[in-house]
PDB file of N, CA and C in Angstrom:
ATOM      1  N   UNK A   1      13.475   5.195 -15.485  1.00  0.00           N
ATOM      2  CA  UNK A   1      13.060   6.421 -14.804  1.00  0.00           C
ATOM      3  C   UNK A   1      14.061   7.045 -14.300  1.00  0.00           C
ATOM      4  N   UNK A   2      13.839   8.660 -14.893  1.00  0.00           N
ATOM      5  CA  UNK A   2      14.428   9.567 -14.423  1.00  0.00           C
ATOM      6  C   UNK A   2      14.792  10.307 -13.153  1.00  0.00           C
ATOM      7  N   UNK A   3      15.809  10.257 -12.964  1.00  0.00           N
ATOM      8  CA  UNK A   3      16.224  10.722 -11.462  1.00  0.00           C
ATOM      9  C   UNK A   3      15.315  11.835 -11.177  1.00  0.00           C
ATOM     10  N   UNK A   4      14.939  12.746 -11.335  1.00  0.00           N
ATOM     11  CA  UNK A   4      14.247  13.895 -11.274  1.00  0.00           C
ATOM     12  C   UNK A   4      12.774  13.507 -10.852  1.00  0.00           C
ATOM     13  N   UNK A   5      12.100  12.248 -11.189  1.00  0.00           N
ATOM     14  CA  UNK A   5      10.920  11.347 -10.924  1.00  0.00           C
ATOM     15  C   UNK A   5      11.014  10.700  -9.539  1.00  0.00           C
ATOM     16  N   UNK A   6      12.134  10.960  -8.665  1.00  0.00           N
ATOM     17  CA  UNK A   6      12.643  10.161  -7.426  1.00  0.00           C
ATOM     18  C   UNK A   6      12.278  10.706  -6.218  1.00  0.00           C
ATOM     19  N   UNK A   7      11.790  10.232  -5.232  1.00  0.00           N
ATOM     20  CA  UNK A   7      11.714  11.311  -4.053  1.00  0.00           C
ATOM     21  C   UNK A   7      12.890  10.520  -3.195  1.00  0.00           C
ATOM     22  N   UNK A   8      14.027  11.607  -2.808  1.00  0.00           N
ATOM     23  CA  UNK A   8      15.189  11.531  -2.302  1.00  0.00           C
ATOM     24  C   UNK A   8      15.127  11.819  -1.113  1.00  0.00           C
ATOM     25  N   UNK A   9      14.882  12.824  -0.876  1.00  0.00           N
ATOM     26  CA  UNK A   9      14.831  13.817   0.386  1.00  0.00           C
ATOM     27  C   UNK A   9      14.191  13.238   1.872  1.00  0.00           C
ATOM     28  N   UNK A  10      14.650  13.159   2.587  1.00  0.00           N
ATOM     29  CA  UNK A  10      14.028  12.603   3.767  1.00  0.00           C
ATOM     30  C   UNK A  10      12.991  13.070   4.463  1.00  0.00           C
ATOM     31  N   UNK A  11      13.133  14.890   4.248  1.00  0.00           N
ATOM     32  CA  UNK A  11      11.976  15.579   4.433  1.00  0.00           C
ATOM     33  C   UNK A  11      10.436  15.099   3.512  1.00  0.00           C
ATOM     34  N   UNK A  12      10.789  15.376   2.444  1.00  0.00           N
ATOM     35  CA  UNK A  12       9.631  14.596   1.368  1.00  0.00           C
ATOM     36  C   UNK A  12       9.153  13.291   1.670  1.00  0.00           C
ATOM     37  N   UNK A  13       9.976  12.195   2.144  1.00  0.00           N
ATOM     38  CA  UNK A  13       9.700  11.199   2.922  1.00  0.00           C
ATOM     39  C   UNK A  13       8.564  11.373   4.203  1.00  0.00           C
ATOM     40  N   UNK A  14       9.149  11.996   4.814  1.00  0.00           N
ATOM     41  CA  UNK A  14       8.028  12.310   6.218  1.00  0.00           C
ATOM     42  C   UNK A  14       6.847  13.176   5.677  1.00  0.00           C
ATOM     43  N   UNK A  15       7.142  14.044   4.836  1.00  0.00           N
ATOM     44  CA  UNK A  15       5.567  14.430   4.631  1.00  0.00           C
ATOM     45  C   UNK A  15       4.616  13.830   4.025  1.00  0.00           C
ATOM     46  N   UNK A  16       5.218  12.812   3.150  1.00  0.00           N
ATOM     47  CA  UNK A  16       4.098  11.673   2.765  1.00  0.00           C
ATOM     48  C   UNK A  16       3.665  10.746   3.662  1.00  0.00           C
ATOM     49  N   UNK A  17       4.398  10.177   4.504  1.00  0.00           N
ATOM     50  CA  UNK A  17       4.381   9.557   5.905  1.00  0.00           C
ATOM     51  C   UNK A  17       3.039  10.059   6.703  1.00  0.00           C
ATOM     52  N   UNK A  18       3.392  11.524   6.914  1.00  0.00           N
ATOM     53  CA  UNK A  18       2.198  12.020   8.004  1.00  0.00           C
ATOM     54  C   UNK A  18       1.169  12.530   7.132  1.00  0.00           C
ATOM     55  N   UNK A  19       1.458  12.982   5.873  1.00  0.00           N
ATOM     56  CA  UNK A  19      -0.373  13.962   5.437  1.00  0.00           C
ATOM     57  C   UNK A  19      -0.711  12.828   4.193  1.00  0.00           C
ATOM     58  N   UNK A  20       0.114  11.821   3.670  1.00  0.00           N
ATOM     59  CA  UNK A  20      -0.954  11.073   2.827  1.00  0.00           C
ATOM     60  C   UNK A  20      -1.011   9.986   3.657  1.00  0.00           C
ATOM     61  N   UNK A  21      -2.071   8.881   2.293  1.00  0.00           N
ATOM     62  CA  UNK A  21      -2.852   7.908   2.729  1.00  0.00           C
ATOM     63  C   UNK A  21      -1.955   6.683   2.343  1.00  0.00           C
ATOM     64  N   UNK A  22      -2.429   5.479   3.135  1.00  0.00           N
ATOM     65  CA  UNK A  22      -1.748   4.133   2.686  1.00  0.00           C
ATOM     66  C   UNK A  22      -2.627   2.754   2.769  1.00  0.00           C
ATOM     67  N   UNK A  23      -1.784   2.232   2.036  1.00  0.00           N
ATOM     68  CA  UNK A  23      -2.416   0.655   1.763  1.00  0.00           C
ATOM     69  C   UNK A  23      -1.483  -0.129   1.598  1.00  0.00           C
ATOM     70  N   UNK A  24      -1.783  -1.642   1.686  1.00  0.00           N
ATOM     71  CA  UNK A  24      -0.599  -2.395   2.039  1.00  0.00           C
ATOM     72  C   UNK A  24      -1.247  -3.990   1.648  1.00  0.00           C
ATOM     73  N   UNK A  25      -0.359  -4.817   1.025  1.00  0.00           N
ATOM     74  CA  UNK A  25      -0.785  -5.911   1.120  1.00  0.00           C
ATOM     75  C   UNK A  25       0.675  -6.761   1.842  1.00  0.00           C
ATOM     76  N   UNK A  26       0.724  -8.199   1.679  1.00  0.00           N
ATOM     77  CA  UNK A  26       1.517  -8.901   2.503  1.00  0.00           C
ATOM     78  C   UNK A  26       3.292  -8.295   1.676  1.00  0.00           C
ATOM     79  N   UNK A  27       3.135  -7.965   0.698  1.00  0.00           N
ATOM     80  CA  UNK A  27       4.397  -7.993   0.190  1.00  0.00           C
ATOM     81  C   UNK A  27       5.029  -6.513   0.230  1.00  0.00           C
ATOM     82  N   UNK A  28       3.974  -5.671  -0.034  1.00  0.00           N
ATOM     83  CA  UNK A  28       4.473  -4.365  -0.166  1.00  0.00           C
ATOM     84  C   UNK A  28       3.627  -3.275   0.696  1.00  0.00           C
ATOM     85  N   UNK A  29       4.097  -2.174   1.376  1.00  0.00           N
ATOM     86  CA  UNK A  29       3.410  -0.903   1.650  1.00  0.00           C
ATOM     87  C   UNK A  29       3.201   0.290   0.577  1.00  0.00           C
ATOM     88  N   UNK A  30       2.029   1.243   0.278  1.00  0.00           N
ATOM     89  CA  UNK A  30       2.066   1.959  -0.176  1.00  0.00           C
ATOM     90  C   UNK A  30       1.591   3.037   0.427  1.00  0.00           C
ATOM     91  N   UNK A  31       2.540   4.538   0.354  1.00  0.00           N
ATOM     92  CA  UNK A  31       1.998   5.652   0.683  1.00  0.00           C
ATOM     93  C   UNK A  31       1.653   6.682  -0.281  1.00  0.00           C
ATOM     94  N   UNK A  32       0.534   7.413  -0.395  1.00  0.00           N
ATOM     95  CA  UNK A  32       1.123   8.332  -1.923  1.00  0.00           C
ATOM     96  C   UNK A  32       0.082   9.549  -1.224  1.00  0.00           C
ATOM     97  N   UNK A  33       0.592  10.559  -2.012  1.00  0.00           N
ATOM     98  CA  UNK A  33      -0.492  11.716  -1.772  1.00  0.00           C
ATOM     99  C   UNK A  33      -0.522  12.658  -2.928  1.00  0.00           C
ATOM    100  N   UNK A  34      -1.733  13.174  -3.052  1.00  0.00           N
ATOM    101  CA  UNK A  34      -2.328  14.191  -4.114  1.00  0.00           C
ATOM    102  C   UNK A  34      -1.283  14.989  -4.212  1.00  0.00           C
ATOM    103  N   UNK A  35      -0.451  15.800  -5.617  1.00  0.00           N
ATOM    104  CA  UNK A  35       0.074  16.808  -5.912  1.00  0.00           C
ATOM    105  C   UNK A  35      -0.487  17.378  -6.920  1.00  0.00           C
ATOM    106  N   UNK A  36      -1.788  18.255  -6.901  1.00  0.00           N
ATOM    107  CA  UNK A  36      -2.245  18.878  -7.968  1.00  0.00           C
ATOM    108  C   UNK A  36      -1.752  19.364  -9.014  1.00  0.00           C
ATOM    109  N   UNK A  37      -0.554  20.290  -8.893  1.00  0.00           N
ATOM    110  CA  UNK A  37       0.127  20.971  -9.672  1.00  0.00           C
ATOM    111  C   UNK A  37       1.262  20.304 -10.254  1.00  0.00           C
ATOM    112  N   UNK A  38       1.521  19.074  -9.844  1.00  0.00           N
ATOM    113  CA  UNK A  38       2.862  17.987 -10.706  1.00  0.00           C
ATOM    114  C   UNK A  38       2.174  17.403 -11.895  1.00  0.00           C
ATOM    115  N   UNK A  39       3.142  17.627 -12.768  1.00  0.00           N
ATOM    116  CA  UNK A  39       2.961  16.816 -14.293  1.00  0.00           C
ATOM    117  C   UNK A  39       3.209  15.567 -14.266  1.00  0.00           C
ATOM    118  N   UNK A  40       4.335  14.826 -13.398  1.00  0.00           N
ATOM    119  CA  UNK A  40       4.742  13.885 -13.663  1.00  0.00           C
ATOM    120  C   UNK A  40       4.659  13.153 -12.080  1.00  0.00           C
ATOM    121  N   UNK A  41       4.212  12.010 -11.815  1.00  0.00           N
ATOM    122  CA  UNK A  41       4.481  11.438 -10.599  1.00  0.00           C
ATOM    123  C   UNK A  41       5.803  11.292 -10.090  1.00  0.00           C
ATOM    124  N   UNK A  42       6.085  10.948  -8.868  1.00  0.00           N
ATOM    125  CA  UNK A  42       7.450  10.768  -8.101  1.00  0.00           C
ATOM    126  C   UNK A  42       7.473   9.469  -7.350  1.00  0.00           C
ATOM    127  N   UNK A  43       8.612   8.628  -7.447  1.00  0.00           N
ATOM    128  CA  UNK A  43       8.380   7.640  -6.303  1.00  0.00           C
ATOM    129  C   UNK A  43       9.419   7.822  -5.534  1.00  0.00           C
ATOM    130  N   UNK A  44       9.194   7.120  -4.464  1.00  0.00           N
ATOM    131  CA  UNK A  44      10.394   6.867  -3.257  1.00  0.00           C
ATOM    132  C   UNK A  44      10.477   5.388  -3.269  1.00  0.00           C
ATOM    133  N   UNK A  45      11.842   4.867  -2.795  1.00  0.00           N
ATOM    134  CA  UNK A  45      11.503   3.419  -2.579  1.00  0.00           C
ATOM    135  C   UNK A  45      12.152   3.312  -1.418  1.00  0.00           C
ATOM    136  N   UNK A  46      11.778   1.944  -0.651  1.00  0.00           N
ATOM    137  CA  UNK A  46      12.587   1.738   0.911  1.00  0.00           C
ATOM    138  C   UNK A  46      12.509   0.275   1.224  1.00  0.00           C
ATOM    139  N   UNK A  47      13.675   0.037   1.248  1.00  0.00           N
ATOM    140  CA  UNK A  47      13.853  -1.554   1.216  1.00  0.00           C
ATOM    141  C   UNK A  47      14.794  -1.734   2.614  1.00  0.00           C
ATOM    142  N   UNK A  48      14.220  -2.160   3.862  1.00  0.00           N
ATOM    143  CA  UNK A  48      15.041  -2.297   5.091  1.00  0.00           C
ATOM    144  C   UNK A  48      15.872  -3.546   5.043  1.00  0.00           C
ATOM    145  N   UNK A  49      16.744  -3.220   6.306  1.00  0.00           N
ATOM    146  CA  UNK A  49      18.258  -4.030   5.960  1.00  0.00           C
ATOM    147  C   UNK A  49      17.554  -5.317   6.579  1.00  0.00           C
ATOM    148  N   UNK A  50      16.615  -5.767   6.929  1.00  0.00           N
ATOM    149  CA  UNK A  50      15.948  -7.011   7.198  1.00  0.00           C
ATOM    150  C   UNK A  50      15.328  -7.942   6.126  1.00  0.00           C
ATOM    151  N   UNK A  51      15.143  -7.334   5.433  1.00  0.00           N
ATOM    152  CA  UNK A  51      15.028  -7.732   3.862  1.00  0.00           C
ATOM    153  C   UNK A  51      16.233  -8.803   3.541  1.00  0.00           C
ATOM    154  N   UNK A  52      17.268  -8.243   3.466  1.00  0.00           N
ATOM    155  CA  UNK A  52      18.665  -9.196   3.204  1.00  0.00           C
ATOM    156  C   UNK A  52      19.836  -8.052   2.967  1.00  0.00           C
ATOM    157  N   UNK A  53      20.926  -8.915   2.531  1.00  0.00           N
ATOM    158  CA  UNK A  53      21.830  -7.942   2.167  1.00  0.00           C
ATOM    159  C   UNK A  53      21.718  -6.869   1.446  1.00  0.00           C
ATOM    160  N   UNK A  54      23.043  -6.375   0.639  1.00  0.00           N
ATOM    161  CA  UNK A  54      22.762  -4.924  -0.378  1.00  0.00           C
ATOM    162  C   UNK A  54      22.514  -5.713  -1.637  1.00  0.00           C
ATOM    163  N   UNK A  55      22.980  -6.950  -2.235  1.00  0.00           N
ATOM    164  CA  UNK A  55      22.745  -7.432  -3.291  1.00  0.00           C
ATOM    165  C   UNK A  55      20.732  -7.578  -3.589  1.00  0.00           C
ATOM    166  N   UNK A  56      20.635  -8.180  -2.413  1.00  0.00           N
ATOM    167  CA  UNK A  56      19.006  -8.618  -2.375  1.00  0.00           C
ATOM    168  C   UNK A  56      18.249  -7.550  -2.280  1.00  0.00           C
ATOM    169  N   UNK A  57      18.815  -6.117  -1.454  1.00  0.00           N
ATOM    170  CA  UNK A  57      17.953  -4.955  -1.275  1.00  0.00           C
ATOM    171  C   UNK A  57      18.028  -4.216  -2.720  1.00  0.00           C
ATOM    172  N   UNK A  58      19.020  -4.177  -3.394  1.00  0.00           N
ATOM    173  CA  UNK A  58      19.211  -3.420  -4.269  1.00  0.00           C
ATOM    174  C   UNK A  58      18.653  -4.622  -5.755  1.00  0.00           C
ATOM    175  N   UNK A  59      18.249  -5.569  -5.724  1.00  0.00           N
ATOM    176  CA  UNK A  59      17.549  -6.081  -6.698  1.00  0.00           C
ATOM    177  C   UNK A  59      16.185  -6.180  -6.502  1.00  0.00           C
ATOM    178  N   UNK A  60      15.534  -5.663  -5.182  1.00  0.00           N
ATOM    179  CA  UNK A  60      14.247  -5.645  -5.029  1.00  0.00           C
ATOM    180  C   UNK A  60      13.912  -3.924  -5.725  1.00  0.00           C
ATOM    181  N   UNK A  61      14.766  -3.235  -5.283  1.00  0.00           N
ATOM    182  CA  UNK A  61      14.616  -1.652  -5.779  1.00  0.00           C
ATOM    183  C   UNK A  61      14.567  -1.867  -7.552  1.00  0.00           C
ATOM    184  N   UNK A  62      15.841  -2.554  -8.065  1.00  0.00           N
ATOM    185  CA  UNK A  62      15.470  -2.728  -9.497  1.00  0.00           C
ATOM    186  C   UNK A  62      14.211  -3.060  -9.889  1.00  0.00           C
ATOM    187  N   UNK A  63      13.616  -4.194  -9.162  1.00  0.00           N
ATOM    188  CA  UNK A  63      12.533  -4.901  -9.920  1.00  0.00           C
ATOM    189  C   UNK A  63      11.139  -3.661  -9.701  1.00  0.00           C
ATOM    190  N   UNK A  64      11.177  -3.056  -8.413  1.00  0.00           N
ATOM    191  CA  UNK A  64      10.159  -1.816  -8.397  1.00  0.00           C
ATOM    192  C   UNK A  64      10.368  -0.962  -9.591  1.00  0.00           C
ATOM    193  N   UNK A  65      11.430  -0.502  -9.571  1.00  0.00           N
ATOM    194  CA  UNK A  65      11.760   0.964 -10.585  1.00  0.00           C
ATOM    195  C   UNK A  65      11.817   0.318 -12.141  1.00  0.00           C
ATOM    196  N   UNK A  66      12.042  -0.948 -12.239  1.00  0.00           N
ATOM    197  CA  UNK A  66      11.352  -1.548 -13.779  1.00  0.00           C
ATOM    198  C   UNK A  66       9.410  -1.894 -13.888  1.00  0.00           C
ATOM    199  N   UNK A  67       9.193  -1.804 -12.992  1.00  0.00           N
ATOM    200  CA  UNK A  67       7.543  -2.229 -12.629  1.00  0.00           C
ATOM    201  C   UNK A  67       7.097  -1.045 -13.013  1.00  0.00           C
ATOM    202  N   UNK A  68       7.610   0.451 -12.515  1.00  0.00           N
ATOM    203  CA  UNK A  68       6.955   1.605 -12.348  1.00  0.00           C
ATOM    204  C   UNK A  68       7.653   2.316 -14.098  1.00  0.00           C
ATOM    205  N   UNK A  69       8.417   1.912 -14.574  1.00  0.00           N
ATOM    206  CA  UNK A  69       8.858   2.064 -15.831  1.00  0.00           C
ATOM    207  C   UNK A  69       7.885   1.533 -16.735  1.00  0.00           C
ATOM    208  N   UNK A  70       7.339   0.374 -16.604  1.00  0.00           N
ATOM    209  CA  UNK A  70       6.668  -0.264 -17.826  1.00  0.00           C
ATOM    210  C   UNK A  70       4.972   0.103 -17.382  1.00  0.00           C
ATOM    211  N   UNK A  71       4.778   0.720 -16.306  1.00  0.00           N
ATOM    212  CA  UNK A  71       3.461   1.312 -15.676  1.00  0.00           C
ATOM    213  C   UNK A  71       3.335   2.682 -16.286  1.00  0.00           C
ATOM    214  N   UNK A  72       4.711   3.401 -16.459  1.00  0.00           N
ATOM    215  CA  UNK A  72       4.672   4.851 -16.539  1.00  0.00           C
ATOM    216  C   UNK A  72       3.367   5.428 -17.089  1.00  0.00           C
ATOM    217  N   UNK A  73       2.911   5.130 -18.293  1.00  0.00           N
ATOM    218  CA  UNK A  73       1.851   5.729 -19.020  1.00  0.00           C
ATOM    219  C   UNK A  73       0.393   5.603 -18.176  1.00  0.00           C
ATOM    220  N   UNK A  74       0.786   4.126 -17.561  1.00  0.00           N
ATOM    221  CA  UNK A  74      -1.177   4.503 -16.596  1.00  0.00           C
ATOM    222  C   UNK A  74      -0.604   5.077 -15.051  1.00  0.00           C
ATOM    223  N   UNK A  75       0.308   5.490 -14.715  1.00  0.00           N
ATOM    224  CA  UNK A  75       0.445   5.961 -13.217  1.00  0.00           C
ATOM    225  C   UNK A  75      -0.642   7.262 -13.344  1.00  0.00           C
ATOM    226  N   UNK A  76      -1.265   7.457 -12.605  1.00  0.00           N
ATOM    227  CA  UNK A  76      -1.820   9.128 -12.522  1.00  0.00           C
ATOM    228  C   UNK A  76      -0.514  10.017 -12.152  1.00  0.00           C
ATOM    229  N   UNK A  77      -0.157  11.365 -13.073  1.00  0.00           N
ATOM    230  CA  UNK A  77       0.823  12.200 -12.663  1.00  0.00           C
ATOM    231  C   UNK A  77       0.754  13.004 -11.425  1.00  0.00           C
ATOM    232  N   UNK A  78      -0.334  13.110 -10.876  1.00  0.00           N
ATOM    233  CA  UNK A  78      -0.524  13.917  -9.751  1.00  0.00           C
ATOM    234  C   UNK A  78      -0.581  13.566  -8.458  1.00  0.00           C
ATOM    235  N   UNK A  79       0.809  12.352  -8.374  1.00  0.00           N
ATOM    236  CA  UNK A  79       0.675  11.276  -7.228  1.00  0.00           C
ATOM    237  C   UNK A  79       2.257  11.698  -6.860  1.00  0.00           C
ATOM    238  N   UNK A  80       2.481  11.583  -5.652  1.00  0.00           N
ATOM    239  CA  UNK A  80       3.638  11.354  -4.749  1.00  0.00           C
ATOM    240  C   UNK A  80       3.608   9.846  -4.373  1.00  0.00           C
ATOM    241  N   UNK A  81       4.150   8.726  -4.784  1.00  0.00           N
ATOM    242  CA  UNK A  81       4.386   7.606  -4.054  1.00  0.00           C
ATOM    243  C   UNK A  81       5.165   7.034  -3.500  1.00  0.00           C
ATOM    244  N   UNK A  82       5.201   6.347  -2.470  1.00  0.00           N
ATOM    245  CA  UNK A  82       6.308   5.778  -1.653  1.00  0.00           C
ATOM    246  C   UNK A  82       6.162   4.485  -1.339  1.00  0.00           C
ATOM    247  N   UNK A  83       6.943   3.377  -1.745  1.00  0.00           N
ATOM    248  CA  UNK A  83       6.776   2.067  -1.710  1.00  0.00           C
ATOM    249  C   UNK A  83       7.752   1.512  -0.954  1.00  0.00           C
ATOM    250  N   UNK A  84       7.330   0.563   0.249  1.00  0.00           N
ATOM    251  CA  UNK A  84       8.173  -0.353   1.145  1.00  0.00           C
ATOM    252  C   UNK A  84       7.586  -1.629   0.977  1.00  0.00           C
ATOM    253  N   UNK A  85       9.077  -2.266   0.982  1.00  0.00           N
ATOM    254  CA  UNK A  85       9.293  -3.589   0.765  1.00  0.00           C
ATOM    255  C   UNK A  85       9.184  -4.434   2.170  1.00  0.00           C
ATOM    256  N   UNK A  86       8.434  -5.561   2.047  1.00  0.00           N
ATOM    257  CA  UNK A  86       8.285  -6.095   3.335  1.00  0.00           C
ATOM    258  C   UNK A  86       9.139  -7.591   3.324  1.00  0.00           C
ATOM    259  N   UNK A  87       9.194  -8.395   3.957  1.00  0.00           N
ATOM    260  CA  UNK A  87       9.998  -9.320   4.058  1.00  0.00           C
ATOM    261  C   UNK A  87       9.818 -10.509   3.407  1.00  0.00           C
ATOM    262  N   UNK A  88       8.635 -10.855   2.742  1.00  0.00           N
ATOM    263  CA  UNK A  88       8.304 -11.579   1.825  1.00  0.00           C
ATOM    264  C   UNK A  88       8.493 -11.343   0.452  1.00  0.00           C
ATOM    265  N   UNK A  89       9.169 -10.173   0.053  1.00  0.00           N
ATOM    266  CA  UNK A  89       9.434  -9.503  -1.255  1.00  0.00           C
ATOM    267  C   UNK A  89      10.735 -10.229  -1.937  1.00  0.00           C
ATOM    268  N   UNK A  90      11.582 -10.785  -0.889  1.00  0.00           N
ATOM    269  CA  UNK A  90      12.743 -11.215  -1.324  1.00  0.00           C
ATOM    270  C   UNK A  90      12.636 -12.579  -2.027  1.00  0.00           C
ATOM    271  N   UNK A  91      11.466 -13.315  -1.817  1.00  0.00           N
ATOM    272  CA  UNK A  91      11.132 -14.504  -2.301  1.00  0.00           C
ATOM    273  C   UNK A  91      10.769 -14.484  -3.805  1.00  0.00           C
ATOM    274  N   UNK A  92      10.326 -13.256  -3.936  1.00  0.00           N
ATOM    275  CA  UNK A  92       9.521 -12.746  -5.080  1.00  0.00           C
ATOM    276  C   UNK A  92      10.274 -12.598  -6.603  1.00  0.00           C
ATOM    277  N   UNK A  93       9.789 -12.879  -7.795  1.00  0.00           N
ATOM    278  CA  UNK A  93      10.566 -12.551  -8.835  1.00  0.00           C
ATOM    279  C   UNK A  93       9.725 -11.370  -9.343  1.00  0.00           C
ATOM    280  N   UNK A  94      10.636 -11.010 -10.490  1.00  0.00           N
ATOM    281  CA  UNK A  94      10.047  -9.458 -10.698  1.00  0.00           C
ATOM    282  C   UNK A  94       8.649  -9.563 -11.367  1.00  0.00           C
ATOM    283  N   UNK A  95       7.846 -10.378 -12.021  1.00  0.00           N
ATOM    284  CA  UNK A  95       6.560 -10.569 -12.497  1.00  0.00           C
ATOM    285  C   UNK A  95       5.636 -10.656 -11.115  1.00  0.00           C
ATOM    286  N   UNK A  96       6.032 -11.059  -9.993  1.00  0.00           N
ATOM    287  CA  UNK A  96       5.188 -11.470  -9.018  1.00  0.00           C
ATOM    288  C   UNK A  96       5.311  -9.939  -8.088  1.00  0.00           C
ATOM    289  N   UNK A  97       6.516  -9.448  -8.180  1.00  0.00           N
ATOM    290  CA  UNK A  97       6.403  -8.021  -7.434  1.00  0.00           C
ATOM    291  C   UNK A  97       5.582  -7.237  -8.578  1.00  0.00           C
ATOM    292  N   UNK A  98       5.446  -7.181  -9.796  1.00  0.00           N
ATOM    293  CA  UNK A  98       4.928  -6.168 -10.491  1.00  0.00           C
ATOM    294  C   UNK A  98       3.475  -6.564 -10.531  1.00  0.00           C
ATOM    295  N   UNK A  99       3.349  -7.625 -10.408  1.00  0.00           N
ATOM    296  CA  UNK A  99       1.515  -8.257 -10.125  1.00  0.00           C
ATOM    297  C   UNK A  99       1.227  -7.194  -8.489  1.00  0.00           C
ATOM    298  N   UNK A 100       1.971  -7.291  -7.568  1.00  0.00           N
ATOM    299  CA  UNK A 100       1.854  -6.986  -6.421  1.00  0.00           C
ATOM    300  C   UNK A 100       1.768  -5.345  -6.227  1.00  0.00           C
ATOM    301  N   UNK A 101       2.634  -4.983  -7.090  1.00  0.00           N
ATOM    302  CA  UNK A 101       2.795  -3.436  -6.850  1.00  0.00           C
ATOM    303  C   UNK A 101       1.296  -3.029  -7.787  1.00  0.00           C
ATOM    304  N   UNK A 102       0.948  -3.595  -8.932  1.00  0.00           N
ATOM    305  CA  UNK A 102      -0.387  -3.171  -9.847  1.00  0.00           C
ATOM    306  C   UNK A 102      -1.624  -3.234  -8.801  1.00  0.00           C
ATOM    307  N   UNK A 103      -1.427  -4.087  -8.223  1.00  0.00           N
ATOM    308  CA  UNK A 103      -2.753  -4.453  -7.267  1.00  0.00           C
ATOM    309  C   UNK A 103      -3.127  -3.235  -6.241  1.00  0.00           C
ATOM    310  N   UNK A 104      -1.935  -2.779  -5.814  1.00  0.00           N
ATOM    311  CA  UNK A 104      -1.955  -1.802  -4.719  1.00  0.00           C
ATOM    312  C   UNK A 104      -2.265  -1.167  -5.500  1.00  0.00           C
ATOM    313  N   UNK A 105      -1.552  -0.338  -6.851  1.00  0.00           N
ATOM    314  CA  UNK A 105      -2.002   0.906  -7.253  1.00  0.00           C
ATOM    315  C   UNK A 105      -3.539   0.961  -7.578  1.00  0.00           C
ATOM    316  N   UNK A 106      -4.022  -0.265  -8.601  1.00  0.00           N
ATOM    317  CA  UNK A 106      -4.909  -0.605  -8.932  1.00  0.00           C
ATOM    318  C   UNK A 106      -6.459   0.076  -7.643  1.00  0.00           C
ATOM    319  N   UNK A 107      -5.881  -0.868  -6.362  1.00  0.00           N
ATOM    320  CA  UNK A 107      -6.781  -0.611  -5.277  1.00  0.00           C
ATOM    321  C   UNK A 107      -7.238   0.811  -4.994  1.00  0.00           C
ATOM    322  N   UNK A 108      -5.913   1.604  -4.882  1.00  0.00           N
ATOM    323  CA  UNK A 108      -5.765   3.231  -4.522  1.00  0.00           C
ATOM    324  C   UNK A 108      -6.154   4.033  -5.647  1.00  0.00           C
ATOM    325  N   UNK A 109      -6.221   3.446  -6.779  1.00  0.00           N
ATOM    326  CA  UNK A 109      -6.944   4.657  -7.619  1.00  0.00           C
ATOM    327  C   UNK A 109      -5.856   5.204  -8.266  1.00  0.00           C
ATOM    328  N   UNK A 110      -4.572   5.178  -8.080  1.00  0.00           N
ATOM    329  CA  UNK A 110      -3.405   5.321  -8.675  1.00  0.00           C
ATOM    330  C   UNK A 110      -3.040   5.466 -10.281  1.00  0.00           C
ATOM    331  N   UNK A 111      -3.657   4.182 -10.506  1.00  0.00           N
ATOM    332  CA  UNK A 111      -3.668   4.026 -12.135  1.00  0.00           C
ATOM    333  C   UNK A 111      -4.987   4.443 -12.746  1.00  0.00           C
ATOM    334  N   UNK A 112      -4.735   4.802 -14.134  1.00  0.00           N
ATOM    335  CA  UNK A 112      -5.687   4.961 -14.646  1.00  0.00           C
ATOM    336  C   UNK A 112      -6.617   4.181 -15.116  1.00  0.00           C
ATOM    337  N   UNK A 113      -8.133   4.431 -14.959  1.00  0.00           N
ATOM    338  CA  UNK A 113      -9.198   3.262 -15.361  1.00  0.00           C
ATOM    339  C   UNK A 113      -9.065   2.849 -16.701  1.00  0.00           C
ATOM    340  N   UNK A 114      -8.658   3.159 -17.872  1.00  0.00           N
ATOM    341  CA  UNK A 114      -8.443   2.540 -19.110  1.00  0.00           C
ATOM    342  C   UNK A 114      -6.870   1.959 -19.259  1.00  0.00           C
ATOM    343  N   UNK A 115      -6.088   2.016 -18.184  1.00  0.00           N
ATOM    344  CA  UNK A 115      -4.691   1.477 -18.613  1.00  0.00           C
ATOM    345  C   UNK A 115      -4.773  -0.154 -18.533  1.00  0.00           C
ATOM    346  N   UNK A 116      -3.986  -0.648 -19.148  1.00  0.00           N
ATOM    347  CA  UNK A 116      -3.681  -2.362 -19.519  1.00  0.00           C
ATOM    348  C   UNK A 116      -2.491  -2.547 -18.635  1.00  0.00           C
ATOM    349  N   UNK A 117      -2.599  -3.177 -17.852  1.00  0.00           N
ATOM    350  CA  UNK A 117      -1.092  -3.461 -17.094  1.00  0.00           C
ATOM    351  C   UNK A 117      -0.594  -4.635 -17.354  1.00  0.00           C
ATOM    352  N   UNK A 118      -1.700  -5.886 -17.905  1.00  0.00           N
ATOM    353  CA  UNK A 118      -0.480  -7.047 -18.240  1.00  0.00           C
ATOM    354  C   UNK A 118      -0.988  -7.488 -19.537  1.00  0.00           C
TER     355      UNK A 118
END
């Protein structure tokens, strides 16, 4: 995933938190907002220190970035998406993280209807 498709600024995170919608399951929290003029979706990742040490947090972020990379053609381009990892994520492997992410994105209509995710 290219760096220009990532949300990094605190102001952008806060804008999505305040004005966007959210949905969660046990492992992940999804915040998203529509950006009609946007040509590509953008993602922001947050993994708190309660999850584990830096190695664990970075591994979870790599899993999430890879999952988005594999779903890139399926995610609707007009969205800004923020994913917050919860504590149970530390026990999961890549396929479980991807399945949880697909569940959230499908429930909230962030994936195209005709996309094949697995």
